[in-house]
C-alpha atoms as a PDB file:
ATOM      1  CA  MET A   1     -24.894 -40.363  81.755  1.00  0.00           C
ATOM      2  CA  ARG A   2     -23.184 -42.335  78.954  1.00  0.00           C
ATOM      3  CA  ARG A   3     -26.304 -43.499  76.974  1.00  0.00           C
ATOM      4  CA  LYS A   4     -26.635 -39.967  76.550  1.00  0.00           C
ATOM      5  CA  VAL A   5     -22.948 -39.296  75.270  1.00  0.00           C
ATOM      6  CA  LYS A   6     -23.501 -42.588  73.404  1.00  0.00           C
ATOM      7  CA  LEU A   7     -26.557 -40.947  70.791  1.00  0.00           C
ATOM      8  CA  GLY A   8     -25.187 -37.594  70.737  1.00  0.00           C
ATOM      9  CA  ARG A   9     -21.990 -39.596  69.045  1.00  0.00           C
ATOM     10  CA  ILE A  10     -24.625 -41.180  66.948  1.00  0.00           C
ATOM     11  CA  LEU A  11     -26.547 -37.958  65.921  1.00  0.00           C
ATOM     12  CA  ILE A  12     -22.868 -36.439  65.144  1.00  0.00           C
ATOM     13  CA  LEU A  13     -22.113 -39.502  63.017  1.00  0.00           C
ATOM     14  CA  ILE A  14     -25.687 -39.084  61.020  1.00  0.00           C
ATOM     15  CA  LEU A  15     -25.040 -35.283  60.468  1.00  0.00           C
ATOM     16  CA  ILE A  16     -21.674 -35.459  58.958  1.00  0.00           C
ATOM     17  CA  PRO A  17     -22.875 -37.550  55.703  1.00  0.00           C
ATOM     18  CA  ILE A  18     -25.691 -35.022  55.255  1.00  0.00           C
ATOM     19  CA  LEU A  19     -23.731 -32.060  55.224  1.00  0.00           C
ATOM     20  CA  ILE A  20     -20.842 -33.297  53.329  1.00  0.00           C
ATOM     21  CA  VAL A  21     -23.534 -34.424  50.733  1.00  0.00           C
ATOM     22  CA  SER A  22     -25.502 -31.044  50.992  1.00  0.00           C
ATOM     23  CA  GLY A  23     -22.194 -29.178  50.658  1.00  0.00           C
ATOM     24  CA  GLY A  24     -21.133 -31.304  47.872  1.00  0.00           C
ATOM     25  CA  PHE A  25     -24.412 -29.786  46.093  1.00  0.00           C
ATOM     26  CA  CYS A  26     -24.411 -26.613  46.891  1.00  0.00           C
ATOM     27  CA  VAL A  27     -20.827 -26.173  45.167  1.00  0.00           C
ATOM     28  CA  ILE A  28     -22.033 -27.852  42.506  1.00  0.00           C
ATOM     29  CA  ARG A  29     -25.320 -25.601  42.151  1.00  0.00           C
ATOM     30  CA  MET A  30     -22.670 -22.352  42.280  1.00  0.00           C
ATOM     31  CA  LEU A  31     -20.472 -23.793  39.484  1.00  0.00           C
ATOM     32  CA  PHE A  32     -23.503 -24.380  37.024  1.00  0.00           C
ATOM     33  CA  THR A  33     -25.306 -21.338  37.951  1.00  0.00           C
ATOM     34  CA  GLN A  34     -22.799 -18.442  38.888  1.00  0.00           C
ATOM     35  CA  GLU A  35     -22.744 -15.596  35.976  1.00  0.00           C
ATOM     36  CA  GLU A  36     -19.546 -14.833  34.121  1.00  0.00           C
ATOM     37  CA  PRO A  37     -17.150 -12.915  35.683  1.00  0.00           C
ATOM     38  CA  VAL A  38     -17.379  -9.120  34.322  1.00  0.00           C
ATOM     39  CA  ILE A  39     -14.263  -8.152  32.676  1.00  0.00           C
ATOM     40  CA  GLU A  40     -13.392  -4.179  32.223  1.00  0.00           C
ATOM     41  CA  GLU A  41     -12.593  -3.601  28.897  1.00  0.00           C
ATOM     42  CA  LYS A  42      -9.907  -0.995  29.206  1.00  0.00           C
ATOM     43  CA  SER A  43      -9.084   1.868  26.216  1.00  0.00           C
ATOM     44  CA  TYR A  44      -5.732   1.459  24.510  1.00  0.00           C
ATOM     45  CA  TYR A  45      -4.695   4.966  25.904  1.00  0.00           C
ATOM     46  CA  ASP A  46      -5.768   6.425  28.891  1.00  0.00           C
ATOM     47  CA  LEU A  47      -8.729   8.564  27.368  1.00  0.00           C
ATOM     48  CA  ASP A  48      -8.558  10.806  30.210  1.00  0.00           C
ATOM     49  CA  LEU A  49      -5.185  12.035  29.658  1.00  0.00           C
ATOM     50  CA  PHE A  50      -6.094  13.563  26.313  1.00  0.00           C
ATOM     51  CA  SER A  51      -6.564  17.471  27.230  1.00  0.00           C
ATOM     52  CA  ILE A  52      -6.367  21.203  25.047  1.00  0.00           C
ATOM     53  CA  GLU A  53      -4.009  22.822  26.245  1.00  0.00           C
ATOM     54  CA  ASN A  54      -3.284  26.383  24.596  1.00  0.00           C
ATOM     55  CA  GLY A  55      -5.829  25.533  22.028  1.00  0.00           C
ATOM     56  CA  LEU A  56      -3.977  22.397  20.864  1.00  0.00           C
ATOM     57  CA  MET A  57      -4.443  18.650  21.483  1.00  0.00           C
ATOM     58  CA  THR A  58      -1.642  17.091  24.052  1.00  0.00           C
ATOM     59  CA  TYR A  59      -1.606  13.359  25.546  1.00  0.00           C
ATOM     60  CA  LYS A  60      -0.163  13.891  29.097  1.00  0.00           C
ATOM     61  CA  ASP A  61       2.111  10.913  29.007  1.00  0.00           C
ATOM     62  CA  SER A  62       5.687  10.967  29.051  1.00  0.00           C
ATOM     63  CA  SER A  63       5.917   7.764  27.009  1.00  0.00           C
ATOM     64  CA  TYR A  64       4.969   9.087  23.925  1.00  0.00           C
ATOM     65  CA  LYS A  65       6.322  11.560  21.406  1.00  0.00           C
ATOM     66  CA  LEU A  66       3.570  14.261  20.302  1.00  0.00           C
ATOM     67  CA  SER A  67       3.257  16.378  17.188  1.00  0.00           C
ATOM     68  CA  THR A  68       0.759  18.544  16.404  1.00  0.00           C
ATOM     69  CA  GLY A  69      -0.045  18.912  12.108  1.00  0.00           C
ATOM     70  CA  ILE A  70      -2.373  20.070   9.845  1.00  0.00           C
ATOM     71  CA  ASP A  71      -3.895  18.120   6.203  1.00  0.00           C
ATOM     72  CA  VAL A  72      -4.773  20.757   3.667  1.00  0.00           C
ATOM     73  CA  SER A  73      -5.824  20.167   0.097  1.00  0.00           C
ATOM     74  CA  SER A  74      -6.982  22.804  -2.484  1.00  0.00           C
ATOM     75  CA  HIS A  75      -9.836  23.643  -0.301  1.00  0.00           C
ATOM     76  CA  ASN A  76      -7.476  25.537   1.857  1.00  0.00           C
ATOM     77  CA  GLY A  77      -5.867  27.767  -1.181  1.00  0.00           C
ATOM     78  CA  ALA A  78      -2.625  28.720  -1.265  1.00  0.00           C
ATOM     79  CA  VAL A  79      -0.899  28.212   2.124  1.00  0.00           C
ATOM     80  CA  ASP A  80       2.269  30.363   3.305  1.00  0.00           C
ATOM     81  CA  TRP A  81       4.334  27.752   4.443  1.00  0.00           C
ATOM     82  CA  PRO A  82       7.145  29.691   6.517  1.00  0.00           C
ATOM     83  CA  THR A  83       4.213  31.440   8.322  1.00  0.00           C
ATOM     84  CA  VAL A  84       2.603  27.788   9.303  1.00  0.00           C
ATOM     85  CA  LYS A  85       5.854  26.206  10.141  1.00  0.00           C
ATOM     86  CA  ALA A  86       6.467  29.985  12.526  1.00  0.00           C
ATOM     87  CA  ASP A  87       3.238  29.419  14.143  1.00  0.00           C
ATOM     88  CA  GLY A  88       4.348  25.756  15.826  1.00  0.00           C
ATOM     89  CA  ILE A  89       3.089  23.534  13.294  1.00  0.00           C
ATOM     90  CA  GLU A  90       5.250  20.233  12.752  1.00  0.00           C
ATOM     91  CA  PHE A  91       3.655  18.408   9.933  1.00  0.00           C
ATOM     92  CA  ALA A  92       1.869  18.289   6.928  1.00  0.00           C
ATOM     93  CA  MET A  93      -0.796  16.038   5.461  1.00  0.00           C
ATOM     94  CA  LEU A  94      -1.546  16.837   1.871  1.00  0.00           C
ATOM     95  CA  ARG A  95      -3.641  15.174  -0.680  1.00  0.00           C
ATOM     96  CA  ILE A  96      -2.315  13.588  -3.340  1.00  0.00           C
ATOM     97  CA  GLY A  97      -5.731  13.601  -5.162  1.00  0.00           C
ATOM     98  CA  TYR A  98      -8.783  11.815  -5.830  1.00  0.00           C
ATOM     99  CA  ARG A  99     -11.081   9.970  -7.938  1.00  0.00           C
ATOM    100  CA  GLY A 100     -14.362  11.323  -8.607  1.00  0.00           C
ATOM    101  CA  ALA A 101     -17.553   9.827  -7.224  1.00  0.00           C
ATOM    102  CA  GLN A 102     -19.755   9.627  -9.831  1.00  0.00           C
ATOM    103  CA  ASP A 103     -17.468   9.254 -13.009  1.00  0.00           C
ATOM    104  CA  GLY A 104     -14.605   7.598 -11.398  1.00  0.00           C
ATOM    105  CA  ILE A 105     -12.109   9.467 -12.830  1.00  0.00           C
ATOM    106  CA  LEU A 106      -8.518  10.239 -11.283  1.00  0.00           C
ATOM    107  CA  HIS A 107      -7.471  13.590 -10.592  1.00  0.00           C
ATOM    108  CA  GLU A 108      -4.489  15.088  -8.897  1.00  0.00           C
ATOM    109  CA  ASP A 109      -4.952  18.054  -6.310  1.00  0.00           C
ATOM    110  CA  GLU A 110      -3.769  21.385  -8.471  1.00  0.00           C
ATOM    111  CA  TYR A 111      -1.635  22.491  -5.087  1.00  0.00           C
ATOM    112  CA  ILE A 112       0.042  19.090  -4.281  1.00  0.00           C
ATOM    113  CA  ASP A 113       3.508  19.842  -6.397  1.00  0.00           C
ATOM    114  CA  THR A 114       3.941  23.479  -4.354  1.00  0.00           C
ATOM    115  CA  ASN A 115       2.650  22.071  -1.092  1.00  0.00           C
ATOM    116  CA  MET A 116       5.160  18.840  -0.981  1.00  0.00           C
ATOM    117  CA  GLU A 117       7.925  21.542  -2.138  1.00  0.00           C
ATOM    118  CA  GLN A 118       7.180  24.294  -0.044  1.00  0.00           C
ATOM    119  CA  ALA A 119       6.335  22.368   3.319  1.00  0.00           C
ATOM    120  CA  ILE A 120       9.870  20.404   2.606  1.00  0.00           C
ATOM    121  CA  GLN A 121      11.602  23.310   2.206  1.00  0.00           C
ATOM    122  CA  ASN A 122      10.263  24.632   5.466  1.00  0.00           C
ATOM    123  CA  HIS A 123      11.164  21.564   7.386  1.00  0.00           C
ATOM    124  CA  LEU A 124       8.173  20.451   8.058  1.00  0.00           C
ATOM    125  CA  ARG A 125       7.459  16.661   7.913  1.00  0.00           C
ATOM    126  CA  VAL A 126       5.363  15.622   5.374  1.00  0.00           C
ATOM    127  CA  GLY A 127       2.884  12.475   4.588  1.00  0.00           C
ATOM    128  CA  VAL A 128       0.379  12.167   2.125  1.00  0.00           C
ATOM    129  CA  TYR A 129      -3.407  10.909   1.699  1.00  0.00           C
ATOM    130  CA  PHE A 130      -5.377  10.149  -1.680  1.00  0.00           C
ATOM    131  CA  PHE A 131      -9.119  10.442  -1.173  1.00  0.00           C
ATOM    132  CA  SER A 132     -10.426   6.894  -2.917  1.00  0.00           C
ATOM    133  CA  SER A 133     -13.466   6.267  -4.534  1.00  0.00           C
ATOM    134  CA  ALA A 134     -12.058   2.560  -6.013  1.00  0.00           C
ATOM    135  CA  THR A 135     -14.396  -0.135  -6.771  1.00  0.00           C
ATOM    136  CA  SER A 136     -11.746  -2.430  -7.822  1.00  0.00           C
ATOM    137  CA  SER A 137      -8.093  -3.801  -7.180  1.00  0.00           C
ATOM    138  CA  LYS A 138      -7.286  -2.955 -10.829  1.00  0.00           C
ATOM    139  CA  GLU A 139      -8.463   0.826 -10.161  1.00  0.00           C
ATOM    140  CA  ILE A 140      -6.121   0.605  -6.054  1.00  0.00           C
ATOM    141  CA  ASP A 141      -3.537  -0.224  -8.329  1.00  0.00           C
ATOM    142  CA  GLU A 142      -4.163   2.997 -10.600  1.00  0.00           C
ATOM    143  CA  GLU A 143      -4.499   5.215  -7.360  1.00  0.00           C
ATOM    144  CA  VAL A 144      -1.446   3.476  -5.848  1.00  0.00           C
ATOM    145  CA  ASP A 145       0.506   4.094  -8.873  1.00  0.00           C
ATOM    146  CA  LEU A 146      -0.378   7.964  -9.211  1.00  0.00           C
ATOM    147  CA  VAL A 147       0.555   8.575  -5.661  1.00  0.00           C
ATOM    148  CA  LEU A 148       3.736   6.510  -5.857  1.00  0.00           C
ATOM    149  CA  ASN A 149       4.726   8.712  -8.862  1.00  0.00           C
ATOM    150  CA  LYS A 150       3.620  11.936  -7.386  1.00  0.00           C
ATOM    151  CA  ILE A 151       6.032  11.570  -3.898  1.00  0.00           C
ATOM    152  CA  LYS A 152       8.726  10.125  -6.046  1.00  0.00           C
ATOM    153  CA  GLY A 153      11.832  12.216  -5.239  1.00  0.00           C
ATOM    154  CA  TYR A 154      10.370  13.504  -2.245  1.00  0.00           C
ATOM    155  CA  LYS A 155      11.390  13.326   1.433  1.00  0.00           C
ATOM    156  CA  ILE A 156       8.127  11.845   2.931  1.00  0.00           C
ATOM    157  CA  THR A 157       8.464  11.056   6.435  1.00  0.00           C
ATOM    158  CA  MET A 158       4.958  10.848   7.659  1.00  0.00           C
ATOM    159  CA  PRO A 159       2.110   7.967   6.404  1.00  0.00           C
ATOM    160  CA  VAL A 160       0.740   7.443   2.952  1.00  0.00           C
ATOM    161  CA  VAL A 161      -2.873   7.326   3.499  1.00  0.00           C
ATOM    162  CA  PHE A 162      -6.150   5.119   2.483  1.00  0.00           C
ATOM    163  CA  ASP A 163      -8.782   7.956   2.701  1.00  0.00           C
ATOM    164  CA  MET A 164     -12.703   6.651   1.575  1.00  0.00           C
ATOM    165  CA  GLU A 165     -15.381   8.526   2.635  1.00  0.00           C
ATOM    166  CA  GLU A 166     -19.308   8.709   2.314  1.00  0.00           C
ATOM    167  CA  PHE A 167     -20.432  11.098  -0.224  1.00  0.00           C
ATOM    168  CA  ASP A 168     -22.702  13.386   0.549  1.00  0.00           C
ATOM    169  CA  GLN A 169     -24.518  13.445  -2.851  1.00  0.00           C
ATOM    170  CA  GLY A 170     -23.844   9.493  -2.988  1.00  0.00           C
ATOM    171  CA  GLY A 171     -21.560   7.967  -5.437  1.00  0.00           C
ATOM    172  CA  ARG A 172     -19.810   4.485  -7.140  1.00  0.00           C
ATOM    173  CA  ILE A 173     -18.606   3.041  -3.488  1.00  0.00           C
ATOM    174  CA  ASP A 174     -22.194   3.301  -2.027  1.00  0.00           C
ATOM    175  CA  ASP A 175     -22.589  -0.145  -3.132  1.00  0.00           C
ATOM    176  CA  LEU A 176     -19.783  -1.995  -2.035  1.00  0.00           C
ATOM    177  CA  SER A 177     -20.017  -4.371   0.867  1.00  0.00           C
ATOM    178  CA  MET A 178     -17.780  -4.196   4.089  1.00  0.00           C
ATOM    179  CA  GLU A 179     -15.774  -7.357   2.642  1.00  0.00           C
ATOM    180  CA  GLN A 180     -15.057  -5.551  -0.677  1.00  0.00           C
ATOM    181  CA  ARG A 181     -14.210  -2.207   1.271  1.00  0.00           C
ATOM    182  CA  THR A 182     -12.290  -3.494   3.506  1.00  0.00           C
ATOM    183  CA  LYS A 183      -9.904  -5.351   0.909  1.00  0.00           C
ATOM    184  CA  LEU A 184      -9.631  -2.387  -0.887  1.00  0.00           C
ATOM    185  CA  ALA A 185      -8.134  -0.583   1.989  1.00  0.00           C
ATOM    186  CA  LEU A 186      -5.874  -3.797   2.793  1.00  0.00           C
ATOM    187  CA  ARG A 187      -4.591  -3.939  -1.020  1.00  0.00           C
ATOM    188  CA  PHE A 188      -3.514   0.022  -0.568  1.00  0.00           C
ATOM    189  CA  CYS A 189      -1.720  -0.498   2.141  1.00  0.00           C
ATOM    190  CA  LYS A 190      -0.026  -3.756   1.349  1.00  0.00           C
ATOM    191  CA  LYS A 191       1.282  -1.951  -1.828  1.00  0.00           C
ATOM    192  CA  ILE A 192       2.363   1.076  -0.101  1.00  0.00           C
ATOM    193  CA  LYS A 193       4.494  -1.173   2.538  1.00  0.00           C
ATOM    194  CA  GLU A 194       6.079  -2.659  -0.367  1.00  0.00           C
ATOM    195  CA  VAL A 195       7.781   0.075  -1.324  1.00  0.00           C
ATOM    196  CA  GLY A 196       9.419   1.166   1.986  1.00  0.00           C
ATOM    197  CA  TYR A 197       6.553   3.990   2.968  1.00  0.00           C
ATOM    198  CA  THR A 198       4.299   3.915   6.545  1.00  0.00           C
ATOM    199  CA  PRO A 199       0.518   3.129   4.986  1.00  0.00           C
ATOM    200  CA  MET A 200      -2.399   4.427   7.165  1.00  0.00           C
ATOM    201  CA  ILE A 201      -6.324   4.140   6.718  1.00  0.00           C
ATOM    202  CA  TYR A 202      -8.119   7.212   7.643  1.00  0.00           C
ATOM    203  CA  GLY A 203     -12.183   7.306   8.928  1.00  0.00           C
ATOM    204  CA  ASN A 204     -14.306   8.779  11.523  1.00  0.00           C
ATOM    205  CA  MET A 205     -15.614   6.086  13.745  1.00  0.00           C
ATOM    206  CA  THR A 206     -18.895   5.112  11.947  1.00  0.00           C
ATOM    207  CA  TRP A 207     -16.734   4.519   8.561  1.00  0.00           C
ATOM    208  CA  LEU A 208     -13.968   2.712  10.720  1.00  0.00           C
ATOM    209  CA  TYR A 209     -16.161   0.340  12.364  1.00  0.00           C
ATOM    210  CA  GLN A 210     -19.621   0.280   9.713  1.00  0.00           C
ATOM    211  CA  ASN A 211     -17.595   0.102   6.275  1.00  0.00           C
ATOM    212  CA  TYR A 212     -14.539  -2.046   7.261  1.00  0.00           C
ATOM    213  CA  ASP A 213     -13.890  -5.118   9.389  1.00  0.00           C
ATOM    214  CA  PHE A 214     -11.830  -3.203  11.999  1.00  0.00           C
ATOM    215  CA  GLU A 215      -9.767  -6.017  13.257  1.00  0.00           C
ATOM    216  CA  ARG A 216      -8.255  -6.481  10.042  1.00  0.00           C
ATOM    217  CA  ILE A 217      -7.721  -2.993   8.598  1.00  0.00           C
ATOM    218  CA  SER A 218      -6.142  -2.173  12.441  1.00  0.00           C
ATOM    219  CA  LYS A 219      -3.114  -3.879  11.793  1.00  0.00           C
ATOM    220  CA  TYR A 220      -2.149  -0.443   9.763  1.00  0.00           C
ATOM    221  CA  PRO A 221      -1.749   2.427  11.633  1.00  0.00           C
ATOM    222  CA  ILE A 222      -4.865   4.228  12.410  1.00  0.00           C
ATOM    223  CA  TRP A 223      -6.080   8.077  11.314  1.00  0.00           C
ATOM    224  CA  LEU A 224      -9.075   9.206  13.467  1.00  0.00           C
ATOM    225  CA  ALA A 225     -11.766  11.746  12.607  1.00  0.00           C
ATOM    226  CA  SER A 226     -13.725  12.668  15.328  1.00  0.00           C
ATOM    227  CA  TYR A 227     -14.069  16.426  16.154  1.00  0.00           C
ATOM    228  CA  SER A 228     -14.238  16.936  20.120  1.00  0.00           C
ATOM    229  CA  THR A 229     -12.211  17.797  22.687  1.00  0.00           C
ATOM    230  CA  ARG A 230     -12.927  14.087  24.236  1.00  0.00           C
ATOM    231  CA  CYS A 231     -11.708  11.160  22.270  1.00  0.00           C
ATOM    232  CA  PRO A 232     -14.138   8.297  21.498  1.00  0.00           C
ATOM    233  CA  MET A 233     -12.459   5.788  20.766  1.00  0.00           C
ATOM    234  CA  GLU A 234     -11.253   3.094  22.778  1.00  0.00           C
ATOM    235  CA  ASP A 235      -9.046   0.818  20.367  1.00  0.00           C
ATOM    236  CA  LYS A 236      -5.382   2.248  18.977  1.00  0.00           C
ATOM    237  CA  PHE A 237      -5.112   4.562  16.631  1.00  0.00           C
ATOM    238  CA  ASP A 238      -1.828   6.940  15.654  1.00  0.00           C
ATOM    239  CA  MET A 239      -3.376  10.217  14.226  1.00  0.00           C
ATOM    240  CA  TRP A 240      -6.224  11.826  15.442  1.00  0.00           C
ATOM    241  CA  GLN A 241      -7.847  14.846  13.542  1.00  0.00           C
ATOM    242  CA  TYR A 242      -9.683  16.402  16.304  1.00  0.00           C
ATOM    243  CA  SER A 243     -10.878  20.140  15.116  1.00  0.00           C
ATOM    244  CA  ASN A 244     -11.830  20.758  11.192  1.00  0.00           C
ATOM    245  CA  GLN A 245     -12.144  24.349  12.332  1.00  0.00           C
ATOM    246  CA  GLY A 246      -8.143  25.013  13.569  1.00  0.00           C
ATOM    247  CA  ARG A 247      -6.763  28.672  12.827  1.00  0.00           C
ATOM    248  CA  VAL A 248      -3.070  28.605  11.579  1.00  0.00           C
ATOM    249  CA  ASN A 249      -1.102  31.312  10.702  1.00  0.00           C
ATOM    250  CA  GLY A 250      -0.656  31.348   7.082  1.00  0.00           C
ATOM    251  CA  ILE A 251      -3.739  29.709   5.923  1.00  0.00           C
ATOM    252  CA  GLU A 252      -6.864  31.683   5.470  1.00  0.00           C
ATOM    253  CA  GLY A 253      -9.972  30.110   7.061  1.00  0.00           C
ATOM    254  CA  ASP A 254     -10.213  27.064   8.877  1.00  0.00           C
ATOM    255  CA  VAL A 255      -8.314  24.175   8.770  1.00  0.00           C
ATOM    256  CA  ASP A 256      -7.762  20.302  10.204  1.00  0.00           C
ATOM    257  CA  ILE A 257      -5.676  19.930  12.908  1.00  0.00           C
ATOM    258  CA  ASN A 258      -4.229  17.092  13.768  1.00  0.00           C
ATOM    259  CA  ILE A 259      -2.483  15.183  16.973  1.00  0.00           C
ATOM    260  CA  TYR A 260       0.210  12.449  15.867  1.00  0.00           C
ATOM    261  CA  LEU A 261       1.404   9.817  19.096  1.00  0.00           C
ATOM    262  CA  GLN A 262       4.517   7.732  18.451  1.00  0.00           C
ATOM    263  CA  LYS A 263       5.827   5.545  21.369  1.00  0.00           C
ATOM    264  CA  LYS A 264       9.051   6.165  22.547  1.00  0.00           C
END
């Protein structure tokens, strides 16, 4: 009996180191072979909270103040601003002008003075945008000067926007690199901010991510263009142009509709 007990103790003493060593190997193997944990990326907004109600986009989060607005240019013709206001529109983004896609000549929007005066008189919040085809810092400075000269003396309470887009027929900005486009947008925004206005950068998903360094430009507010009832953008934006076929009393034909989100 004693012999069996003694033999059992010997076996236990032999097995314990073996188990310890093998266990150690298992732990080491797990440490070096286990896959990286999957971290689920979360959107800045809860995208499921965006929805269309009574024909307009809303965001069902009480921590945000929402505004509905339009953006217009000479393409929309003469606007009946009292009727627009009465139809529930709260703000207007007005085109100041543009630089020619091929010739690079600066142009003012033919309706900008009337639109600014009438929109403000009818108690809409007003912002502006410039359609840029600048290819140099000098040209950006020219565009900024034009914008600032036009809005001087007006109550501009919405952003001042840099709008650069691909031209259907091609143009002078086609050969710019991502770095060049990024620097031009940042220069515009920096100069606008320096004089006390809120700068903003406009673009669709392709333009924002493939033609700019998004991480760098997103330090400024973003105006997203995406014509959909489902928000496609997981990063932060401040304004969303969600339709180019909106209908608003006081404007003939289609008009762009926007939602503006401000954290309370």
